[in-house]
N, C-alpha and C. Protein backbone atom coordinates (compact mmCIF):
# COMPACT_ATOMS: atom_id res chain seq x y z
N UNK A 1 115.70 59.58 99.37
CA UNK A 1 114.45 59.86 100.04
C UNK A 1 114.62 61.14 100.84
N UNK A 2 113.64 62.01 100.70
CA UNK A 2 113.75 63.32 101.33
C UNK A 2 113.09 63.40 102.70
N UNK A 3 111.97 62.68 102.88
CA UNK A 3 111.23 62.82 104.13
C UNK A 3 110.32 61.61 104.36
N UNK A 4 109.62 61.64 105.49
CA UNK A 4 108.73 60.53 105.85
C UNK A 4 107.50 60.45 104.95
N UNK A 5 107.07 61.57 104.40
CA UNK A 5 105.94 61.53 103.46
C UNK A 5 106.31 60.71 102.23
N UNK A 6 107.52 60.87 101.76
CA UNK A 6 107.97 60.10 100.59
C UNK A 6 108.06 58.62 100.94
N UNK A 7 108.50 58.30 102.15
CA UNK A 7 108.52 56.91 102.60
C UNK A 7 107.12 56.32 102.57
N UNK A 8 106.15 57.07 103.07
CA UNK A 8 104.75 56.60 103.07
C UNK A 8 104.25 56.36 101.65
N UNK A 9 104.59 57.26 100.72
CA UNK A 9 104.15 57.10 99.33
C UNK A 9 104.77 55.87 98.68
N UNK A 10 106.04 55.62 98.98
CA UNK A 10 106.70 54.45 98.42
C UNK A 10 106.08 53.16 98.95
N UNK A 11 105.75 53.14 100.23
CA UNK A 11 105.11 51.95 100.81
C UNK A 11 103.75 51.72 100.18
N UNK A 12 103.00 52.80 99.98
CA UNK A 12 101.69 52.68 99.35
C UNK A 12 101.82 52.16 97.92
N UNK A 13 102.80 52.68 97.20
CA UNK A 13 103.02 52.24 95.82
C UNK A 13 103.35 50.75 95.75
N UNK A 14 104.08 50.25 96.74
CA UNK A 14 104.47 48.83 96.76
C UNK A 14 103.46 47.96 97.51
N UNK A 15 102.32 48.55 97.92
CA UNK A 15 101.25 47.83 98.62
C UNK A 15 101.72 47.18 99.91
N UNK A 16 102.50 47.93 100.68
CA UNK A 16 102.95 47.47 102.00
C UNK A 16 102.31 48.38 103.04
N UNK A 17 101.63 47.80 104.02
CA UNK A 17 101.02 48.59 105.08
C UNK A 17 102.12 49.35 105.83
N UNK A 18 101.88 50.63 106.12
CA UNK A 18 102.88 51.49 106.74
C UNK A 18 102.22 52.43 107.74
N UNK A 19 102.94 52.68 108.83
CA UNK A 19 102.50 53.69 109.80
C UNK A 19 103.73 54.32 110.43
N UNK A 20 103.55 55.55 110.88
CA UNK A 20 104.59 56.20 111.67
C UNK A 20 104.21 56.00 113.14
N UNK A 21 105.06 55.37 113.90
CA UNK A 21 104.84 55.18 115.33
C UNK A 21 103.99 53.97 115.66
N UNK A 22 102.72 54.03 115.29
CA UNK A 22 101.80 52.94 115.63
C UNK A 22 100.61 53.00 114.67
N UNK A 23 100.05 51.86 114.39
CA UNK A 23 98.82 51.82 113.59
C UNK A 23 97.65 52.22 114.49
N UNK A 24 96.70 52.94 113.93
CA UNK A 24 95.53 53.37 114.70
C UNK A 24 94.60 52.21 115.00
N UNK A 25 94.57 51.22 114.12
CA UNK A 25 93.76 50.02 114.31
C UNK A 25 94.69 48.81 114.17
N UNK A 26 94.35 47.70 114.81
CA UNK A 26 95.19 46.51 114.67
C UNK A 26 95.30 46.07 113.21
N UNK A 27 96.51 45.73 112.79
CA UNK A 27 96.75 45.20 111.44
C UNK A 27 97.60 43.94 111.56
N UNK A 28 97.42 43.07 110.61
CA UNK A 28 98.21 41.84 110.58
C UNK A 28 99.46 42.07 109.75
N UNK A 29 100.55 41.39 110.10
CA UNK A 29 101.75 41.47 109.28
C UNK A 29 101.49 40.90 107.90
N UNK A 30 102.26 41.29 106.91
CA UNK A 30 103.46 42.12 106.99
C UNK A 30 103.12 43.61 107.00
N UNK A 31 103.98 44.36 107.65
CA UNK A 31 103.84 45.81 107.66
C UNK A 31 105.15 46.47 108.06
N UNK A 32 105.20 47.77 107.84
CA UNK A 32 106.35 48.59 108.20
C UNK A 32 105.92 49.66 109.18
N UNK A 33 106.76 49.90 110.19
CA UNK A 33 106.52 50.98 111.14
C UNK A 33 107.81 51.79 111.25
N UNK A 34 107.69 53.11 111.12
CA UNK A 34 108.84 54.00 111.21
C UNK A 34 108.78 54.84 112.48
N UNK A 35 109.96 55.16 112.99
CA UNK A 35 110.10 56.07 114.12
C UNK A 35 111.37 56.88 113.94
N UNK A 36 111.32 58.15 114.25
CA UNK A 36 112.54 58.96 114.27
C UNK A 36 113.16 58.77 115.64
N UNK A 37 114.38 58.23 115.68
CA UNK A 37 115.01 57.90 116.96
C UNK A 37 116.02 58.95 117.42
N UNK A 38 116.46 59.81 116.49
CA UNK A 38 117.47 60.81 116.84
C UNK A 38 117.50 61.87 115.76
N UNK A 39 118.04 63.04 116.09
CA UNK A 39 118.25 64.08 115.09
C UNK A 39 119.68 64.56 115.16
N UNK A 40 120.17 65.04 114.03
CA UNK A 40 121.51 65.62 113.94
C UNK A 40 121.39 66.85 113.05
N UNK A 41 120.69 67.86 113.56
CA UNK A 41 120.39 69.05 112.77
C UNK A 41 121.56 70.03 112.76
N UNK A 42 121.66 70.79 111.67
CA UNK A 42 122.62 71.90 111.61
C UNK A 42 121.86 73.15 112.04
N UNK A 43 122.36 73.78 113.11
CA UNK A 43 121.67 74.93 113.66
C UNK A 43 122.65 76.09 113.82
N UNK A 44 122.11 77.30 113.71
CA UNK A 44 122.85 78.52 113.98
C UNK A 44 121.84 79.62 114.32
N UNK A 45 122.24 80.49 115.22
CA UNK A 45 121.38 81.61 115.61
C UNK A 45 119.98 81.15 116.00
N UNK A 46 119.89 80.07 116.78
CA UNK A 46 118.62 79.51 117.25
C UNK A 46 117.67 79.14 116.13
N UNK A 47 118.21 78.73 115.01
CA UNK A 47 117.39 78.34 113.87
C UNK A 47 117.98 77.08 113.23
N UNK A 48 117.11 76.16 112.84
CA UNK A 48 117.54 74.93 112.15
C UNK A 48 117.62 75.23 110.66
N UNK A 49 118.82 75.03 110.11
CA UNK A 49 119.03 75.27 108.68
C UNK A 49 118.99 73.99 107.87
N UNK A 50 119.41 72.89 108.46
CA UNK A 50 119.41 71.60 107.76
C UNK A 50 118.96 70.53 108.74
N UNK A 51 117.78 69.99 108.51
CA UNK A 51 117.22 68.97 109.40
C UNK A 51 117.65 67.59 108.93
N UNK A 52 118.15 66.77 109.85
CA UNK A 52 118.54 65.40 109.54
C UNK A 52 118.09 64.50 110.69
N UNK A 53 117.28 63.51 110.38
CA UNK A 53 116.78 62.61 111.41
C UNK A 53 117.18 61.17 111.14
N UNK A 54 117.44 60.43 112.21
CA UNK A 54 117.72 59.00 112.11
C UNK A 54 116.40 58.26 112.25
N UNK A 55 116.13 57.42 111.27
CA UNK A 55 114.87 56.69 111.21
C UNK A 55 115.13 55.20 111.47
N UNK A 56 114.26 54.62 112.29
CA UNK A 56 114.24 53.17 112.46
C UNK A 56 112.97 52.68 111.77
N UNK A 57 113.14 51.80 110.79
CA UNK A 57 112.02 51.26 110.03
C UNK A 57 111.96 49.76 110.31
N UNK A 58 110.90 49.32 110.98
CA UNK A 58 110.75 47.91 111.35
C UNK A 58 109.82 47.20 110.38
N UNK A 59 110.32 46.13 109.79
CA UNK A 59 109.54 45.26 108.93
C UNK A 59 109.11 44.06 109.76
N UNK A 60 107.81 43.85 109.87
CA UNK A 60 107.25 42.75 110.66
C UNK A 60 106.56 41.77 109.72
N UNK A 61 106.87 40.48 109.91
CA UNK A 61 106.34 39.43 109.02
C UNK A 61 105.90 38.22 109.84
N UNK A 62 104.92 37.47 109.32
CA UNK A 62 104.53 36.21 109.96
C UNK A 62 105.54 35.11 109.68
N UNK A 63 106.21 35.20 108.56
CA UNK A 63 107.24 34.24 108.17
C UNK A 63 108.30 35.01 107.40
N UNK A 64 109.49 34.47 107.30
CA UNK A 64 110.57 35.16 106.59
C UNK A 64 110.24 35.15 105.10
N UNK A 65 110.03 36.33 104.57
CA UNK A 65 109.63 36.51 103.17
C UNK A 65 110.75 37.28 102.46
N UNK A 66 111.64 36.53 101.79
CA UNK A 66 112.79 37.16 101.14
C UNK A 66 112.38 38.10 100.01
N UNK A 67 111.29 37.79 99.33
CA UNK A 67 110.81 38.70 98.29
C UNK A 67 110.39 40.05 98.88
N UNK A 68 109.73 40.01 100.01
CA UNK A 68 109.32 41.25 100.68
C UNK A 68 110.54 42.02 101.19
N UNK A 69 111.49 41.32 101.76
CA UNK A 69 112.72 41.96 102.24
C UNK A 69 113.43 42.64 101.07
N UNK A 70 113.53 41.95 99.95
CA UNK A 70 114.17 42.54 98.77
C UNK A 70 113.38 43.74 98.25
N UNK A 71 112.07 43.68 98.32
CA UNK A 71 111.23 44.80 97.87
C UNK A 71 111.50 46.04 98.74
N UNK A 72 111.57 45.84 100.05
CA UNK A 72 111.86 46.96 100.96
C UNK A 72 113.24 47.54 100.65
N UNK A 73 114.22 46.68 100.50
CA UNK A 73 115.60 47.15 100.30
C UNK A 73 115.83 47.76 98.92
N UNK A 74 115.20 47.18 97.88
CA UNK A 74 115.49 47.61 96.51
C UNK A 74 114.48 48.56 95.88
N UNK A 75 113.28 48.66 96.46
CA UNK A 75 112.27 49.53 95.87
C UNK A 75 111.85 50.67 96.80
N UNK A 76 112.00 50.48 98.11
CA UNK A 76 111.63 51.53 99.05
C UNK A 76 112.87 52.28 99.55
N UNK A 77 113.89 51.55 99.92
CA UNK A 77 115.11 52.17 100.47
C UNK A 77 116.24 52.26 99.46
N UNK A 78 115.91 52.26 98.18
CA UNK A 78 116.93 52.18 97.14
C UNK A 78 117.89 53.36 97.11
N UNK A 79 117.50 54.52 97.60
CA UNK A 79 118.36 55.70 97.48
C UNK A 79 118.85 56.23 98.83
N UNK A 80 118.77 55.40 99.88
CA UNK A 80 119.32 55.80 101.18
C UNK A 80 120.37 54.78 101.60
N UNK A 81 121.33 55.23 102.37
CA UNK A 81 122.33 54.33 102.95
C UNK A 81 121.75 53.78 104.24
N UNK A 82 121.48 52.49 104.28
CA UNK A 82 120.83 51.90 105.44
C UNK A 82 121.69 50.79 106.02
N UNK A 83 121.46 50.52 107.29
CA UNK A 83 121.99 49.35 107.99
C UNK A 83 120.79 48.58 108.50
N UNK A 84 120.96 47.29 108.69
CA UNK A 84 119.84 46.52 109.22
C UNK A 84 120.32 45.54 110.27
N UNK A 85 119.37 45.12 111.11
CA UNK A 85 119.65 44.12 112.12
C UNK A 85 119.44 42.74 111.50
N UNK A 86 119.86 41.74 112.22
CA UNK A 86 119.55 40.38 111.81
C UNK A 86 118.05 40.18 111.88
N UNK A 87 117.56 39.23 111.12
CA UNK A 87 116.15 38.87 111.20
C UNK A 87 115.94 38.18 112.54
N UNK A 88 115.00 38.72 113.32
CA UNK A 88 114.78 38.26 114.69
C UNK A 88 113.38 37.68 114.84
N UNK A 89 113.30 36.55 115.53
CA UNK A 89 111.99 35.97 115.83
C UNK A 89 111.57 36.44 117.21
N UNK A 90 110.40 37.09 117.29
CA UNK A 90 109.84 37.54 118.57
C UNK A 90 108.83 36.50 119.02
N UNK A 91 109.28 35.57 119.86
CA UNK A 91 108.47 34.40 120.19
C UNK A 91 107.18 34.75 120.93
N UNK A 92 107.19 35.79 121.76
CA UNK A 92 105.96 36.13 122.48
C UNK A 92 104.87 36.66 121.55
N UNK A 93 105.27 37.23 120.41
CA UNK A 93 104.31 37.73 119.43
C UNK A 93 104.17 36.81 118.21
N UNK A 94 105.07 35.84 118.11
CA UNK A 94 105.09 34.86 117.01
C UNK A 94 105.22 35.55 115.65
N UNK A 95 106.17 36.48 115.58
CA UNK A 95 106.44 37.20 114.33
C UNK A 95 107.95 37.34 114.14
N UNK A 96 108.32 37.63 112.90
CA UNK A 96 109.70 37.93 112.54
C UNK A 96 109.83 39.42 112.32
N UNK A 97 111.01 39.96 112.66
CA UNK A 97 111.22 41.40 112.50
C UNK A 97 112.63 41.69 112.00
N UNK A 98 112.71 42.65 111.08
CA UNK A 98 113.97 43.20 110.60
C UNK A 98 113.89 44.70 110.78
N UNK A 99 114.94 45.31 111.36
CA UNK A 99 114.96 46.75 111.56
C UNK A 99 116.01 47.38 110.64
N UNK A 100 115.61 48.45 109.97
CA UNK A 100 116.50 49.22 109.10
C UNK A 100 116.73 50.58 109.75
N UNK A 101 117.96 51.08 109.64
CA UNK A 101 118.33 52.37 110.21
C UNK A 101 118.94 53.23 109.11
N UNK A 102 118.44 54.46 108.96
CA UNK A 102 118.95 55.37 107.93
C UNK A 102 118.64 56.81 108.32
N UNK A 103 119.24 57.75 107.59
CA UNK A 103 119.00 59.17 107.86
C UNK A 103 118.28 59.81 106.67
N UNK A 104 117.37 60.71 107.01
CA UNK A 104 116.71 61.53 105.97
C UNK A 104 116.62 62.96 106.49
């Protein structure tokens, strides 16, 4: 995956709601939200030559959906090296969440 635009296209192709940062209108799970949490750019002479960002991609679900988790891992993130957190239940929101971390 080269950039966040490609991530958005992959989510659209797989019919998964996606937003960068926040949805403009309320949406019900399941959905994906991405945020760039850090950068590790190669710079010289006050110019960025190679941009690299760390992305956190949160999958939010009403219930644990292994088919959806597999779809995210095998069809959306298939060509990036990712790490993920344990599946977490957010009791105040009554949802499940899995976070993926990768660089693009």
